[in-house]
Amino acid sequence: MKGLKIGGLYIPVPIFQGGMGVGISLSKLASAVANEGGVGVISCAGIGLLYKNFSKDYLKASIEGLKYEIKKARAATRGIIGVNIMGALTNFEDMVRTSIAEKVDIIFAGAGLPLNLPGFLQKDSVTRLVPIVSSGKAARLISMKWQSSYNYLPDAFVVEGPKAGGHLGFKKEQIDDAKYSLEEIVPDVVNEVRYFEEKYNKEIPVIAAGGLYDGNDIFDIMKKGAKGVQLGSRFVTTEECDASDVFKQQYINNGEKDIEIIQSPVGMPGRAFGNAFIEKVKQGLKVPKTCPFKCIKTCDISKSPYCIVNALYNAARGNMKSGYAFAGSNAYRATHITTVKEVFLELIRDFMRKSEETER
């Protein structure tokens, strides 16, 4: 398992922790992952709700909350810290500007094509830019746009497959279609990226994500061309994860049959553990009275069965009656609470074991 460079930034262990909101991956988890040589990622989704004591204005609270979490992470690690920013956020620009001003190492931008992202960089900016895509076509489009408009190419790509937790960049009928599997789309993105690497003499690593859980998975997907991997669910059941213990127990207590595809109020399918809250939504019993935050561009209060940021916030705090837990397809494999260090050791050990077995 070799280290890699992203925009000249050296990452000793090519393991990226996925950004998980609301309040699942903040400074505590991110700094712990960074301390093991990976890339720790703070999710800024709904962060204004977590820091409403900073300001009654959700947008201002989001800015101050993100600054606070970045500073906390920096105080706890000398490793690499990133911020995950969804393009669907109404305060996307605020979160990007704040991250760049606070000199985070990497911005991971998904949930939409971040076609204008390089435009936020200043002459003295040190932040690398990594789009999250689900196809080679998207990677090509972003690369062409960035190069022509900003003379800038992505520093890497995260390719997220349909087995990921949370919101998915696929239509519902594509989720179980083998043509859209991570094993198929990673080589597609690698092939598209190679053209730009060769033409502009810039290395653009492809990071695979979605449903990856152990060292065997990492070995297999790297054989498909990925230079690194992003894992989210695997880090939820760690002591350092920022979520409540009740939230973490959802991963330990539920089985594979409990994971389902839901339709999110933001207009995208998502993967989560089914529970009583989701059942009430299906029955039409959950109806929001108002939109308290206007946090997602694609969320229409007149059609939404519930406020998703409130639901995810409640779940993170352990109130599962008023929310639910997003989870990747392999999240049910968790059996106990562990530590980030133990996860890294296990991932690397299993990866090396399979590598040795393959070479025999």
Protein backbone atom coordinates (compact mmCIF):
# COMPACT_ATOMS: atom_id res chain seq x y z
CA MET A 1 0.00 0.00 0.00
CA LYS A 2 2.05 2.88 -1.33
CA GLY A 3 1.68 6.52 -0.42
CA LEU A 4 0.61 9.02 -3.08
CA LYS A 5 0.85 12.68 -3.95
CA ILE A 6 -2.06 15.01 -4.55
CA GLY A 7 -1.02 18.36 -5.96
CA GLY A 8 2.44 17.88 -4.49
CA LEU A 9 0.99 16.99 -1.09
CA TYR A 10 2.34 13.63 0.13
CA ILE A 11 -0.11 11.22 1.75
CA PRO A 12 1.75 8.37 3.53
CA VAL A 13 -1.21 5.98 3.65
CA PRO A 14 -3.67 6.22 0.70
CA ILE A 15 -6.75 5.92 2.91
CA PHE A 16 -9.23 8.80 2.86
CA GLN A 17 -11.98 9.09 5.43
CA GLY A 18 -15.28 10.00 3.82
CA GLY A 19 -17.08 13.16 4.84
CA MET A 20 -20.21 12.24 6.80
CA GLY A 21 -22.85 14.67 7.95
CA VAL A 22 -24.57 15.91 9.93
CA GLY A 23 -22.00 15.84 12.71
CA ILE A 24 -20.59 12.35 12.07
CA SER A 25 -17.14 13.34 10.81
CA LEU A 26 -15.84 16.48 12.46
CA SER A 27 -12.44 17.41 13.90
CA LYS A 28 -12.13 14.48 16.31
CA LEU A 29 -12.46 11.77 13.68
CA ALA A 30 -10.64 13.73 10.98
CA SER A 31 -7.59 14.42 13.15
CA ALA A 32 -7.42 10.78 14.28
CA VAL A 33 -7.35 9.57 10.67
CA ALA A 34 -4.76 12.21 9.75
CA ASN A 35 -2.58 11.08 12.65
CA GLU A 36 -2.44 7.60 11.11
CA GLY A 37 -1.11 8.96 7.82
CA GLY A 38 -4.42 9.08 5.97
CA VAL A 39 -6.61 12.03 5.04
CA GLY A 40 -9.13 13.11 7.65
CA VAL A 41 -12.23 14.89 6.36
CA ILE A 42 -14.60 17.28 8.10
CA SER A 43 -18.15 17.35 6.74
CA CYS A 44 -19.61 20.85 6.70
CA ALA A 45 -23.16 19.68 5.89
CA GLY A 46 -25.54 21.13 8.46
CA ILE A 47 -22.69 22.46 10.57
CA GLY A 48 -24.63 25.64 11.28
CA LEU A 49 -27.13 23.56 13.23
CA LEU A 50 -24.34 22.12 15.37
CA TYR A 51 -23.07 25.61 16.15
CA LYS A 52 -26.29 27.57 16.52
CA ASN A 53 -24.85 28.95 19.78
CA PHE A 54 -22.36 30.89 17.62
CA SER A 55 -25.13 32.75 15.81
CA LYS A 56 -28.89 32.61 15.38
CA ASP A 57 -28.24 33.07 11.67
CA TYR A 58 -27.71 29.59 10.19
CA LEU A 59 -25.38 30.81 7.47
CA LYS A 60 -23.15 32.74 9.88
CA ALA A 61 -23.15 29.84 12.32
CA SER A 62 -22.05 27.55 9.48
CA ILE A 63 -19.03 29.73 8.70
CA GLU A 64 -17.98 30.10 12.33
CA GLY A 65 -18.63 26.42 13.04
CA LEU A 66 -16.47 25.30 10.14
CA LYS A 67 -13.65 27.62 11.21
CA TYR A 68 -13.86 26.21 14.72
CA GLU A 69 -13.73 22.59 13.56
CA ILE A 70 -10.77 23.23 11.23
CA LYS A 71 -8.86 24.93 14.06
CA LYS A 72 -9.64 22.04 16.43
CA ALA A 73 -8.41 19.53 13.87
CA ARG A 74 -5.23 21.51 13.25
CA ALA A 75 -4.53 21.63 16.98
CA ALA A 76 -4.83 17.84 17.21
CA THR A 77 -2.76 16.76 14.21
CA ARG A 78 0.06 17.70 11.89
CA GLY A 79 -1.47 15.42 9.27
CA ILE A 80 -3.66 16.12 6.27
CA ILE A 81 -7.12 17.61 6.79
CA GLY A 82 -9.81 18.06 4.17
CA VAL A 83 -13.36 19.41 4.06
CA ASN A 84 -16.25 17.75 2.23
CA ILE A 85 -18.58 20.30 0.64
CA MET A 86 -21.73 19.30 -1.21
CA GLY A 87 -22.46 21.31 -4.33
CA ALA A 88 -26.15 21.14 -3.43
CA LEU A 89 -25.64 23.27 -0.32
CA THR A 90 -27.09 26.77 -0.58
CA ASN A 91 -24.01 28.01 1.29
CA PHE A 92 -21.58 26.13 -0.94
CA GLU A 93 -19.64 29.30 -1.75
CA ASP A 94 -19.36 30.28 1.91
CA MET A 95 -18.02 26.87 2.82
CA VAL A 96 -15.50 26.88 -0.04
CA ARG A 97 -14.24 30.38 0.77
CA THR A 98 -13.96 29.55 4.46
CA SER A 99 -12.06 26.32 3.79
CA ILE A 100 -9.60 28.07 1.48
CA ALA A 101 -9.10 30.98 3.87
CA GLU A 102 -8.42 28.52 6.71
CA LYS A 103 -5.89 26.78 4.45
CA VAL A 104 -7.34 23.27 4.61
CA ASP A 105 -5.25 20.84 2.61
CA ILE A 106 -8.02 19.50 0.35
CA ILE A 107 -11.59 20.34 -0.59
CA PHE A 108 -13.70 17.37 -1.67
CA ALA A 109 -16.67 18.60 -3.68
CA GLY A 110 -19.58 16.36 -4.68
CA ALA A 111 -23.38 16.25 -4.99
CA GLY A 112 -23.22 18.13 -8.27
CA LEU A 113 -20.53 19.15 -10.74
CA PRO A 114 -18.29 21.81 -9.12
CA LEU A 115 -17.53 23.52 -12.42
CA ASN A 116 -16.52 26.86 -10.87
CA LEU A 117 -14.52 25.58 -7.90
CA PRO A 118 -11.04 26.80 -9.02
CA GLY A 119 -12.46 30.30 -9.32
CA PHE A 120 -12.41 30.63 -5.53
CA LEU A 121 -8.64 30.10 -5.25
CA GLN A 122 -6.43 33.10 -4.52
CA LYS A 123 -2.79 33.59 -5.55
CA ASP A 124 -1.58 32.44 -2.12
CA SER A 125 -4.05 29.53 -1.75
CA VAL A 126 -2.62 26.15 -0.74
CA THR A 127 -5.84 24.12 -0.85
CA ARG A 128 -6.03 21.25 -3.36
CA LEU A 129 -9.30 20.60 -5.18
CA VAL A 130 -10.77 17.12 -5.56
CA PRO A 131 -14.17 16.61 -7.23
CA ILE A 132 -16.32 13.60 -6.36
CA VAL A 133 -17.78 11.95 -9.48
CA SER A 134 -19.64 8.79 -10.45
CA SER A 135 -18.58 8.46 -14.09
CA GLY A 136 -15.75 9.04 -16.54
CA LYS A 137 -17.98 11.47 -18.42
CA ALA A 138 -18.27 13.70 -15.35
CA ALA A 139 -14.51 13.58 -14.79
CA ARG A 140 -13.88 14.59 -18.39
CA LEU A 141 -16.40 17.44 -18.27
CA ILE A 142 -14.93 18.89 -15.07
CA SER A 143 -11.35 18.58 -16.34
CA MET A 144 -12.18 20.30 -19.63
CA LYS A 145 -14.07 23.12 -17.91
CA TRP A 146 -11.41 23.75 -15.27
CA GLN A 147 -8.59 23.70 -17.80
CA SER A 148 -10.27 26.01 -20.30
CA SER A 149 -11.70 28.48 -17.77
CA TYR A 150 -9.07 28.47 -15.03
CA ASN A 151 -5.97 26.78 -16.48
CA TYR A 152 -6.31 24.34 -13.58
CA LEU A 153 -6.83 20.59 -13.48
CA PRO A 154 -8.27 18.59 -10.57
CA ASP A 155 -5.60 17.48 -8.12
CA ALA A 156 -7.36 14.10 -7.88
CA PHE A 157 -10.80 12.54 -8.31
CA VAL A 158 -12.89 10.57 -5.87
CA VAL A 159 -15.01 8.04 -7.76
CA GLU A 160 -18.02 7.07 -5.67
CA GLY A 161 -19.88 3.91 -6.62
CA PRO A 162 -23.50 2.93 -5.90
CA LYS A 163 -22.69 0.95 -2.74
CA ALA A 164 -21.86 4.09 -0.79
CA GLY A 165 -23.82 5.34 2.18
CA GLY A 166 -25.80 8.56 2.10
CA HIS A 167 -26.80 10.31 -1.09
CA LEU A 168 -25.95 8.48 -4.29
CA GLY A 169 -25.14 9.98 -7.67
CA PHE A 170 -27.16 7.34 -9.48
CA LYS A 171 -30.74 6.76 -10.53
CA LYS A 172 -32.52 4.15 -8.46
CA GLU A 173 -32.51 1.61 -11.29
CA GLN A 174 -28.74 2.01 -11.73
CA ILE A 175 -27.81 1.14 -8.16
CA ASP A 176 -27.91 -2.64 -8.67
CA ASP A 177 -26.89 -2.55 -12.33
CA ALA A 178 -23.45 -4.14 -12.76
CA LYS A 179 -22.61 -1.60 -15.49
CA TYR A 180 -22.49 1.09 -12.81
CA SER A 181 -20.53 -0.86 -10.22
CA LEU A 182 -17.41 0.66 -8.70
CA GLU A 183 -15.34 -2.03 -10.41
CA GLU A 184 -16.61 -0.75 -13.77
CA ILE A 185 -16.55 3.00 -13.24
CA VAL A 186 -13.07 3.21 -11.69
CA PRO A 187 -11.31 2.04 -14.90
CA ASP A 188 -13.61 4.36 -16.87
CA VAL A 189 -12.52 7.39 -14.84
CA VAL A 190 -8.85 6.29 -14.86
CA ASN A 191 -9.00 6.09 -18.65
CA GLU A 192 -10.57 9.55 -19.01
CA VAL A 193 -8.11 11.11 -16.58
CA ARG A 194 -5.10 9.59 -18.34
CA TYR A 195 -5.69 11.84 -21.35
CA PHE A 196 -5.34 14.99 -19.21
CA GLU A 197 -2.38 13.58 -17.29
CA GLU A 198 -0.45 12.94 -20.47
CA LYS A 199 -1.45 16.15 -22.26
CA TYR A 200 -0.72 18.48 -19.36
CA ASN A 201 1.97 16.43 -17.59
CA LYS A 202 0.11 16.33 -14.29
CA GLU A 203 -0.58 13.31 -12.11
CA ILE A 204 -4.27 13.06 -11.17
CA PRO A 205 -4.81 10.12 -8.80
CA VAL A 206 -8.18 8.37 -8.78
CA ILE A 207 -9.57 7.53 -5.33
CA ALA A 208 -12.20 4.79 -5.16
CA ALA A 209 -15.16 5.01 -2.78
CA GLY A 210 -18.46 3.32 -2.01
CA GLY A 211 -18.95 0.03 -0.19
CA LEU A 212 -15.24 -0.61 0.44
CA TYR A 213 -14.73 -2.09 3.89
CA ASP A 214 -11.56 -4.16 4.35
CA GLY A 215 -8.02 -4.61 3.05
CA ASN A 216 -9.14 -7.16 0.49
CA ASP A 217 -11.53 -4.61 -1.01
CA ILE A 218 -8.72 -2.07 -1.16
CA PHE A 219 -6.38 -4.48 -2.91
CA ASP A 220 -9.01 -5.47 -5.47
CA ILE A 221 -10.03 -1.93 -6.39
CA MET A 222 -6.42 -0.78 -6.65
CA LYS A 223 -5.93 -3.52 -9.22
CA LYS A 224 -8.56 -1.65 -11.24
CA GLY A 225 -6.43 1.48 -11.30
CA ALA A 226 -7.33 3.33 -8.10
CA LYS A 227 -4.38 4.92 -6.30
CA GLY A 228 -6.25 5.30 -3.02
CA VAL A 229 -9.56 4.56 -1.32
CA GLN A 230 -12.17 6.48 0.61
CA LEU A 231 -14.00 4.78 3.48
CA GLY A 232 -16.84 6.21 5.51
CA SER A 233 -18.89 3.56 7.30
CA ARG A 234 -15.78 1.74 8.50
CA PHE A 235 -14.84 4.74 10.65
CA VAL A 236 -18.28 5.25 12.23
CA THR A 237 -17.78 2.51 14.79
CA THR A 238 -14.61 4.03 16.21
CA GLU A 239 -14.14 5.75 19.54
CA GLU A 240 -13.03 8.88 17.70
CA CYS A 241 -16.10 9.22 15.48
CA ASP A 242 -17.94 12.42 16.38
CA ALA A 243 -21.40 10.80 16.44
CA SER A 244 -23.14 9.65 19.61
CA ASP A 245 -22.76 6.10 20.92
CA VAL A 246 -26.44 5.46 20.11
CA PHE A 247 -25.76 6.30 16.47
CA LYS A 248 -22.74 3.99 16.36
CA GLN A 249 -24.80 1.14 17.81
CA GLN A 250 -27.09 1.30 14.75
CA TYR A 251 -24.19 -0.12 12.76
CA ILE A 252 -23.49 -2.85 15.27
CA ASN A 253 -27.09 -3.88 16.00
CA ASN A 254 -28.48 -3.88 12.43
CA GLY A 255 -27.97 -6.53 9.78
CA GLU A 256 -27.64 -6.54 6.02
CA LYS A 257 -31.41 -6.84 5.55
CA ASP A 258 -31.91 -3.61 7.50
CA ILE A 259 -30.07 -1.48 4.93
CA GLU A 260 -32.37 0.03 2.32
CA ILE A 261 -32.52 2.59 -0.44
CA ILE A 262 -34.63 5.60 0.46
CA GLN A 263 -35.69 8.67 -1.49
CA SER A 264 -34.17 11.74 0.12
CA PRO A 265 -35.93 15.12 0.24
CA VAL A 266 -33.00 16.53 -1.74
CA GLY A 267 -34.18 14.57 -4.77
CA MET A 268 -31.59 11.80 -4.73
CA PRO A 269 -31.70 8.17 -3.62
CA GLY A 270 -29.74 7.34 -0.49
CA ARG A 271 -28.67 4.27 1.47
CA ALA A 272 -29.59 4.07 5.15
CA PHE A 273 -30.61 1.77 7.96
CA GLY A 274 -34.39 1.48 7.93
CA ASN A 275 -36.19 2.37 11.15
CA ALA A 276 -39.49 3.61 12.58
CA PHE A 277 -38.83 7.17 11.35
CA ILE A 278 -38.40 6.02 7.76
CA GLU A 279 -41.52 3.86 8.03
CA LYS A 280 -43.54 6.88 9.13
CA VAL A 281 -42.19 8.78 6.12
CA LYS A 282 -43.35 5.97 3.83
CA GLN A 283 -46.79 6.12 5.40
CA GLY A 284 -47.00 9.86 4.84
CA LEU A 285 -47.02 10.64 8.54
CA LYS A 286 -44.05 13.02 8.51
CA VAL A 287 -44.83 16.47 7.14
CA PRO A 288 -42.62 19.52 7.86
CA LYS A 289 -44.42 22.73 8.69
CA THR A 290 -41.63 25.08 7.66
CA CYS A 291 -38.16 25.04 6.14
CA PRO A 292 -35.97 26.30 9.00
CA PHE A 293 -32.64 26.57 7.19
CA LYS A 294 -33.06 26.52 3.39
CA CYS A 295 -29.78 24.58 3.40
CA ILE A 296 -30.19 22.45 0.23
CA LYS A 297 -30.80 23.97 -3.20
CA THR A 298 -32.85 21.00 -4.43
CA CYS A 299 -35.03 20.59 -1.33
CA ASP A 300 -38.61 21.81 -1.89
CA ILE A 301 -40.48 22.24 1.40
CA SER A 302 -43.85 21.90 -0.36
CA LYS A 303 -42.90 18.37 -1.47
CA SER A 304 -40.48 17.25 1.24
CA PRO A 305 -41.81 14.77 3.80
CA TYR A 306 -39.30 15.95 6.42
CA CYS A 307 -36.33 18.26 7.01
CA ILE A 308 -33.29 16.13 6.20
CA VAL A 309 -30.75 18.26 8.06
CA ASN A 310 -32.85 18.00 11.23
CA ALA A 311 -33.29 14.25 10.76
CA LEU A 312 -29.55 13.65 10.34
CA TYR A 313 -28.73 16.00 13.22
CA ASN A 314 -31.16 14.17 15.51
CA ALA A 315 -29.68 10.81 14.55
CA ALA A 316 -26.11 11.94 15.16
CA ARG A 317 -27.12 13.01 18.65
CA GLY A 318 -28.78 9.65 19.31
CA ASN A 319 -32.44 10.60 18.80
CA MET A 320 -33.30 7.82 16.34
CA LYS A 321 -37.04 8.38 16.77
CA SER A 322 -36.62 11.64 14.88
CA GLY A 323 -33.96 10.62 12.37
CA TYR A 324 -31.99 7.81 10.76
CA ALA A 325 -28.45 6.69 9.99
CA PHE A 326 -27.01 6.73 6.50
CA ALA A 327 -24.78 3.70 5.90
CA GLY A 328 -22.77 2.02 3.17
CA SER A 329 -23.71 -1.40 1.83
CA ASN A 330 -21.21 -3.16 4.11
CA ALA A 331 -21.90 -1.16 7.27
CA TYR A 332 -23.69 -4.14 8.82
CA ARG A 333 -20.32 -5.93 9.12
CA ALA A 334 -19.40 -3.83 12.16
CA THR A 335 -19.41 -5.92 15.34
CA HIS A 336 -17.87 -3.67 17.99
CA ILE A 337 -16.49 -0.23 18.77
CA THR A 338 -12.82 0.01 17.86
CA THR A 339 -10.27 2.79 17.32
CA VAL A 340 -9.02 4.53 14.20
CA LYS A 341 -5.53 3.14 14.82
CA GLU A 342 -6.90 -0.41 14.99
CA VAL A 343 -8.85 0.10 11.77
CA PHE A 344 -5.72 1.27 9.96
CA LEU A 345 -3.67 -1.63 11.26
CA GLU A 346 -6.32 -4.13 10.17
CA LEU A 347 -6.75 -2.58 6.72
CA ILE A 348 -3.02 -2.54 6.05
CA ARG A 349 -2.52 -6.07 7.41
CA ASP A 350 -5.29 -7.56 5.27
CA PHE A 351 -4.10 -5.64 2.22
CA MET A 352 -0.56 -6.93 2.64
CA ARG A 353 -1.77 -10.47 3.21
CA LYS A 354 -3.77 -10.50 -0.01
CA SER A 355 -0.88 -8.90 -1.87
CA GLU A 356 1.47 -11.66 -0.69
CA GLU A 357 -1.06 -14.37 -1.54
CA THR A 358 -1.47 -12.97 -5.05
CA GLU A 359 2.27 -12.92 -5.67
CA ARG A 360 2.70 -16.61 -4.77
